[in-house]
Protein backbone atom coordinates (compact mmCIF):
# COMPACT_ATOMS: atom_id res chain seq x y z
CA UNK A 1 18.69 -34.70 -20.97
CA UNK A 2 17.38 -31.13 -20.95
CA UNK A 3 14.75 -30.49 -18.33
CA UNK A 4 12.27 -27.63 -18.38
CA UNK A 5 12.61 -25.61 -15.19
CA UNK A 6 9.46 -23.90 -13.95
CA UNK A 7 10.02 -20.92 -11.66
CA UNK A 8 7.63 -18.78 -9.69
CA UNK A 9 5.87 -15.77 -11.15
CA UNK A 10 6.25 -13.15 -12.46
CA UNK A 11 7.25 -14.51 -15.87
CA UNK A 12 8.55 -11.63 -17.98
CA UNK A 13 10.05 -12.22 -21.42
CA UNK A 14 12.40 -9.25 -21.74
CA UNK A 15 15.74 -7.92 -20.60
CA UNK A 16 14.08 -6.76 -17.38
CA UNK A 17 14.91 -8.41 -14.07
CA UNK A 18 13.31 -8.57 -10.66
CA UNK A 19 16.15 -6.51 -9.26
CA UNK A 20 15.66 -3.70 -11.81
CA UNK A 21 11.91 -3.61 -11.22
CA UNK A 22 12.20 -3.57 -7.43
CA UNK A 23 14.75 -0.77 -7.40
CA UNK A 24 12.56 1.29 -9.72
CA UNK A 25 9.70 0.85 -7.26
CA UNK A 26 12.02 1.94 -4.45
CA UNK A 27 12.93 5.05 -6.42
CA UNK A 28 9.22 5.79 -7.00
CA UNK A 29 8.63 5.65 -3.23
CA UNK A 30 11.19 8.38 -2.50
CA UNK A 31 8.75 11.34 -3.00
CA UNK A 32 6.42 9.88 -0.35
CA UNK A 33 9.31 9.30 2.04
CA UNK A 34 10.53 12.88 1.66
CA UNK A 35 7.01 14.24 2.10
CA UNK A 36 6.50 12.14 5.23
CA UNK A 37 9.74 13.46 6.72
CA UNK A 38 8.77 17.01 5.75
CA UNK A 39 5.42 16.80 7.56
CA UNK A 40 6.10 14.40 10.46
CA UNK A 41 9.79 14.96 11.21
CA UNK A 42 12.37 12.47 12.43
CA UNK A 43 9.76 9.90 13.46
CA UNK A 44 8.95 9.30 9.79
CA UNK A 45 12.61 8.73 8.96
CA UNK A 46 13.23 6.46 11.96
CA UNK A 47 10.13 4.36 11.30
CA UNK A 48 11.13 3.89 7.67
CA UNK A 49 14.71 2.97 8.55
CA UNK A 50 13.66 0.47 11.23
CA UNK A 51 11.04 -1.09 8.95
CA UNK A 52 13.45 -1.50 6.02
CA UNK A 53 16.29 -2.80 8.22
CA UNK A 54 14.03 -5.36 9.93
CA UNK A 55 12.52 -6.59 6.66
CA UNK A 56 15.98 -7.09 5.16
CA UNK A 57 17.28 -8.79 8.32
CA UNK A 58 14.32 -11.15 8.72
CA UNK A 59 14.42 -12.14 5.05
CA UNK A 60 18.16 -12.87 5.23
CA UNK A 61 17.78 -14.91 8.42
CA UNK A 62 14.89 -16.97 7.06
CA UNK A 63 16.65 -17.67 3.76
CA UNK A 64 19.94 -18.60 5.44
CA UNK A 65 18.82 -20.64 8.44
CA UNK A 66 15.33 -21.94 7.61
CA UNK A 67 14.96 -22.19 3.84
CA UNK A 68 18.74 -22.59 3.35
CA UNK A 69 18.70 -20.86 -0.02
CA UNK A 70 20.88 -18.06 -1.42
CA UNK A 71 19.96 -14.64 -0.09
CA UNK A 72 17.81 -12.40 -2.29
CA UNK A 73 17.94 -9.34 -0.04
CA UNK A 74 19.91 -7.38 -2.64
CA UNK A 75 17.08 -7.59 -5.19
CA UNK A 76 15.34 -4.73 -3.38
CA UNK A 77 12.04 -6.49 -2.72
CA UNK A 78 12.52 -6.48 1.07
CA UNK A 79 13.18 -2.74 0.93
CA UNK A 80 9.93 -2.24 -1.00
CA UNK A 81 8.05 -4.20 1.67
CA UNK A 82 9.74 -2.23 4.45
CA UNK A 83 8.94 1.16 2.93
CA UNK A 84 5.32 0.25 2.14
CA UNK A 85 4.83 -1.10 5.66
CA UNK A 86 6.24 2.13 7.10
CA UNK A 87 4.02 4.20 4.83
CA UNK A 88 0.95 2.42 6.23
CA UNK A 89 1.46 3.30 9.90
CA UNK A 90 1.17 6.53 11.91
CA UNK A 91 4.40 8.49 12.37
CA UNK A 92 4.35 8.27 16.17
CA UNK A 93 7.20 7.30 18.49
CA UNK A 94 5.47 4.06 19.54
CA UNK A 95 5.46 2.78 15.96
CA UNK A 96 9.26 2.87 15.73
CA UNK A 97 9.33 -0.36 17.76
CA UNK A 98 6.03 -1.88 16.73
CA UNK A 99 6.93 -1.66 13.06
CA UNK A 100 9.67 -4.25 13.74
CA UNK A 101 6.93 -6.70 14.74
CA UNK A 102 4.98 -5.80 11.61
CA UNK A 103 8.11 -6.42 9.52
CA UNK A 104 8.48 -9.91 11.02
CA UNK A 105 4.86 -10.74 10.13
CA UNK A 106 5.13 -9.16 6.67
CA UNK A 107 8.30 -11.06 5.75
CA UNK A 108 7.94 -14.20 7.83
CA UNK A 109 4.22 -14.82 7.30
CA UNK A 110 3.19 -12.75 4.28
CA UNK A 111 6.18 -13.52 2.08
CA UNK A 112 8.66 -16.23 3.07
CA UNK A 113 6.07 -18.72 4.36
CA UNK A 114 5.00 -19.23 0.76
CA UNK A 115 8.54 -19.49 -0.60
CA UNK A 116 9.53 -15.86 -1.16
CA UNK A 117 9.04 -13.32 -3.91
CA UNK A 118 6.82 -14.52 -6.72
CA UNK A 119 5.02 -17.13 -4.62
CA UNK A 120 3.18 -15.04 -2.00
CA UNK A 121 -0.59 -14.76 -2.64
CA UNK A 122 -1.02 -11.67 -0.46
CA UNK A 123 0.77 -8.34 -0.43
CA UNK A 124 3.31 -8.74 2.42
CA UNK A 125 3.25 -5.10 3.55
CA UNK A 126 -0.53 -5.20 3.91
CA UNK A 127 -0.35 -8.47 5.85
CA UNK A 128 1.96 -6.72 8.32
CA UNK A 129 -0.21 -3.62 8.44
CA UNK A 130 -3.45 -5.50 9.10
CA UNK A 131 -1.73 -7.57 11.81
CA UNK A 132 -0.61 -4.38 13.56
CA UNK A 133 -4.07 -2.81 13.21
CA UNK A 134 -5.77 -5.81 14.79
CA UNK A 135 -3.13 -6.43 17.47
CA UNK A 136 -2.33 -2.82 18.41
CA UNK A 137 -5.46 -0.81 17.55
CA UNK A 138 -4.70 2.11 19.90
CA UNK A 139 -1.21 2.72 18.56
CA UNK A 140 -2.35 2.21 14.96
CA UNK A 141 -5.11 4.80 15.32
CA UNK A 142 -3.14 7.44 17.22
CA UNK A 143 -2.38 9.99 14.55
CA UNK A 144 0.23 12.74 14.83
CA UNK A 145 -0.77 16.25 13.88
CA UNK A 146 1.04 17.63 10.87
CA UNK A 147 3.85 19.98 11.84
CA UNK A 148 5.70 22.70 10.00
CA UNK A 149 7.90 21.86 7.05
CA UNK A 150 10.82 19.67 8.10
CA UNK A 151 10.17 19.69 11.87
CA UNK A 152 13.26 18.44 13.70
CA UNK A 153 11.50 17.40 16.87
CA UNK A 154 9.92 13.96 17.17
CA UNK A 155 7.27 15.19 19.62
CA UNK A 156 3.85 15.39 18.01
CA UNK A 157 0.34 16.10 19.21
CA UNK A 158 -2.28 13.49 18.43
CA UNK A 159 -4.93 14.58 15.99
CA UNK A 160 -7.71 12.86 14.03
CA UNK A 161 -7.60 12.08 10.33
CA UNK A 162 -10.24 13.49 7.97
CA UNK A 163 -11.73 10.00 7.61
CA UNK A 164 -11.94 9.67 11.39
CA UNK A 165 -13.72 13.01 11.69
CA UNK A 166 -16.20 12.12 8.97
CA UNK A 167 -16.75 8.61 10.36
CA UNK A 168 -17.84 10.15 13.63
CA UNK A 169 -20.28 12.41 11.83
CA UNK A 170 -18.30 15.64 12.09
CA UNK A 171 -17.26 18.07 9.39
CA UNK A 172 -15.49 20.83 11.29
CA UNK A 173 -11.77 21.51 11.01
CA UNK A 174 -11.50 19.46 7.86
CA UNK A 175 -8.51 20.31 5.68
CA UNK A 176 -9.16 22.03 2.38
CA UNK A 177 -8.90 20.13 -0.89
CA UNK A 178 -5.56 21.83 -1.54
CA UNK A 179 -4.26 20.70 1.85
CA UNK A 180 -5.50 17.18 1.13
CA UNK A 181 -3.76 17.18 -2.25
CA UNK A 182 -0.47 18.43 -0.82
CA UNK A 183 -0.68 16.25 2.29
CA UNK A 184 -1.14 18.75 5.11
CA UNK A 185 -3.47 16.51 7.12
CA UNK A 186 -3.42 13.59 9.51
CA UNK A 187 -2.91 10.06 8.29
CA UNK A 188 -0.39 7.31 7.79
CA UNK A 189 3.17 8.29 7.00
CA UNK A 190 3.09 7.74 3.23
CA UNK A 191 -0.55 8.20 2.31
CA UNK A 192 -1.14 11.87 3.08
CA UNK A 193 0.25 13.56 -0.05
CA UNK A 194 -1.60 12.79 -3.28
CA UNK A 195 0.90 14.75 -5.35
CA UNK A 196 3.85 12.73 -4.01
CA UNK A 197 1.99 9.49 -4.78
CA UNK A 198 1.18 10.69 -8.31
CA UNK A 199 4.82 11.59 -8.98
CA UNK A 200 5.88 8.07 -8.05
CA UNK A 201 3.02 6.46 -9.99
CA UNK A 202 3.77 8.46 -13.14
CA UNK A 203 7.39 7.31 -12.96
CA UNK A 204 6.29 3.65 -12.68
CA UNK A 205 3.92 4.08 -15.61
CA UNK A 206 6.69 5.69 -17.67
CA UNK A 207 9.09 2.83 -16.90
CA UNK A 208 6.25 0.34 -17.59
CA UNK A 209 6.60 -1.25 -14.15
CA UNK A 210 2.82 -0.95 -13.75
CA UNK A 211 -0.05 -0.36 -16.16
CA UNK A 212 -2.95 2.06 -15.80
CA UNK A 213 -5.64 -0.61 -15.52
CA UNK A 214 -5.69 -1.29 -11.76
CA UNK A 215 -5.14 2.29 -10.53
CA UNK A 216 -7.75 3.75 -12.88
CA UNK A 217 -10.28 1.00 -12.16
CA UNK A 218 -9.68 1.23 -8.40
CA UNK A 219 -9.81 5.03 -8.11
CA UNK A 220 -12.54 5.41 -10.75
CA UNK A 221 -14.83 2.87 -9.08
CA UNK A 222 -14.33 4.43 -5.65
CA UNK A 223 -15.02 7.87 -7.12
CA UNK A 224 -18.20 6.80 -8.95
CA UNK A 225 -19.60 4.66 -6.12
CA UNK A 226 -18.94 7.29 -3.46
CA UNK A 227 -20.33 9.95 -5.80
CA UNK A 228 -23.60 8.05 -6.19
CA UNK A 229 -23.92 7.66 -2.42
CA UNK A 230 -23.14 11.36 -1.91
CA UNK A 231 -25.76 12.42 -4.46
CA UNK A 232 -28.34 10.20 -2.75
CA UNK A 233 -27.58 11.55 0.74
CA UNK A 234 -24.90 14.27 0.97
CA UNK A 235 -25.41 14.62 4.71
CA UNK A 236 -24.45 11.02 5.42
CA UNK A 237 -21.85 10.19 2.78
CA UNK A 238 -18.55 11.85 1.77
CA UNK A 239 -18.18 13.63 -1.55
CA UNK A 240 -16.09 11.68 -4.09
CA UNK A 241 -13.15 14.10 -4.27
CA UNK A 242 -12.62 13.99 -0.50
CA UNK A 243 -13.04 10.22 -0.63
CA UNK A 244 -10.16 9.86 -3.09
CA UNK A 245 -7.81 12.37 -1.46
CA UNK A 246 -8.16 11.06 2.11
CA UNK A 247 -7.03 7.73 3.48
CA UNK A 248 -5.06 5.16 1.56
CA UNK A 249 -6.90 4.93 -1.76
CA UNK A 250 -4.21 6.70 -3.78
CA UNK A 251 -1.33 4.80 -2.15
CA UNK A 252 -3.13 1.46 -2.31
CA UNK A 253 -4.27 1.85 -5.91
CA UNK A 254 -0.88 2.91 -7.26
CA UNK A 255 1.60 0.91 -5.19
CA UNK A 256 -0.01 -2.08 -3.48
CA UNK A 257 -2.91 -3.22 -5.64
CA UNK A 258 -0.54 -3.12 -8.63
CA UNK A 259 1.85 -5.70 -7.14
CA UNK A 260 2.46 -7.98 -10.12
CA UNK A 261 2.72 -11.09 -7.93
CA UNK A 262 -0.64 -10.72 -6.17
CA UNK A 263 -2.71 -9.10 -8.95
CA UNK A 264 -4.20 -10.67 -12.11
CA UNK A 265 -2.08 -11.21 -15.21
CA UNK A 266 -4.54 -10.23 -17.97
CA UNK A 267 -5.52 -6.59 -18.52
CA UNK A 268 -9.21 -7.50 -18.32
CA UNK A 269 -8.57 -9.28 -15.03
CA UNK A 270 -6.74 -6.23 -13.70
CA UNK A 271 -9.80 -4.10 -14.44
CA UNK A 272 -11.99 -6.56 -12.54
CA UNK A 273 -9.48 -6.56 -9.69
CA UNK A 274 -9.44 -2.75 -9.51
CA UNK A 275 -13.22 -2.49 -9.59
CA UNK A 276 -13.48 -5.02 -6.76
CA UNK A 277 -10.96 -3.11 -4.67
CA UNK A 278 -12.84 0.16 -5.20
CA UNK A 279 -16.23 -1.30 -4.31
CA UNK A 280 -14.97 -3.08 -1.20
CA UNK A 281 -13.11 0.01 0.01
CA UNK A 282 -16.22 2.20 -0.12
CA UNK A 283 -18.41 -0.51 1.42
CA UNK A 284 -16.02 -0.98 4.36
CA UNK A 285 -15.58 2.77 4.83
CA UNK A 286 -19.29 3.47 4.97
CA UNK A 287 -20.71 0.39 6.66
CA UNK A 288 -17.75 -1.27 8.35
CA UNK A 289 -16.26 -0.76 11.79
CA UNK A 290 -13.14 0.96 10.43
CA UNK A 291 -13.05 4.38 8.76
CA UNK A 292 -10.52 2.96 6.27
CA UNK A 293 -10.94 -0.14 4.11
CA UNK A 294 -8.16 -0.13 1.51
CA UNK A 295 -5.94 -2.76 3.16
CA UNK A 296 -8.80 -5.20 3.71
CA UNK A 297 -10.14 -4.62 0.20
CA UNK A 298 -6.81 -5.35 -1.48
CA UNK A 299 -6.16 -8.45 0.63
CA UNK A 300 -9.64 -9.80 -0.14
CA UNK A 301 -9.09 -9.25 -3.84
CA UNK A 302 -5.64 -10.88 -3.57
CA UNK A 303 -7.47 -13.98 -2.32
CA UNK A 304 -9.66 -14.15 -5.45
CA UNK A 305 -6.87 -13.33 -7.91
CA UNK A 306 -6.49 -17.03 -8.89
CA UNK A 307 -10.19 -17.13 -9.77
CA UNK A 308 -9.89 -13.91 -11.78
CA UNK A 309 -6.92 -15.41 -13.65
CA UNK A 310 -9.01 -18.46 -14.55
CA UNK A 311 -11.88 -16.28 -15.74
CA UNK A 312 -9.87 -13.58 -17.53
CA UNK A 313 -7.17 -15.52 -19.30
CA UNK A 314 -4.47 -13.67 -21.24
CA UNK A 315 -4.10 -14.20 -24.97
CA UNK A 316 -2.27 -17.43 -25.72
CA UNK A 317 0.73 -17.53 -27.97
CA UNK A 318 0.11 -18.72 -31.54
CA UNK A 319 -3.64 -18.22 -31.20
């Protein structure tokens, strides 16, 4: 008797595989890793290595001793989680050890608790990042100042991010738009350089790993909403270009909101998802306690993805 076997999402009818997709995402993350090392030195490299190693180790241990299933570490998904977690933390010496705790939460709680890749409702890297932000707020908001190109020392001087300066009502010593675009400013390891993020995103679009719907809806909504607020009161709110180029909007829109497991299936649902992420990000940035809101926005929209899928259903076969 032939039985129909139902597996977890994503369901892709092509010669593609999870392993191919994950390794393409890893390749797309390389420009951000190199830029982080160039600006923040050895700390960026060490944080990334520790994060990736811990994610792979924890996933292997959970699969072998708790779930007792064959290991899927080689599919590259744990490396994606490790790199994205590293990209969402400051490149300071303290984070080299704290990121191991974040990796345990990301893999153990955000991913493997629900059964592994394809079954997790929330982006694992963001689960780890938000846990670290809530549990270790001082370390997670101690930002290193950007050094010279490829600094070899791991000693950095703490400096504020542009969002932190603006949140406190200041506007002095802000980086120029060119510096923001290139990444010569304070921030998390992988979010500072818009051009590095765009290079990786263009590669994913070219290889059809992601579609344009979520990034465009996310960034476009944040740009329009922040632009309206800025036009209403330019002394209180940030101009839309600075809004997009600072913080984690670019990284979140291109690499975390587009996670095919935790985002809607239909193109119309992806547009709704992106709009929701953009609105929530600007609301949290302007009226919330944190100067950044991308992680919370994406996780909140992850929670309503099942409802979006019910509302925006993809076209059925033979219809």
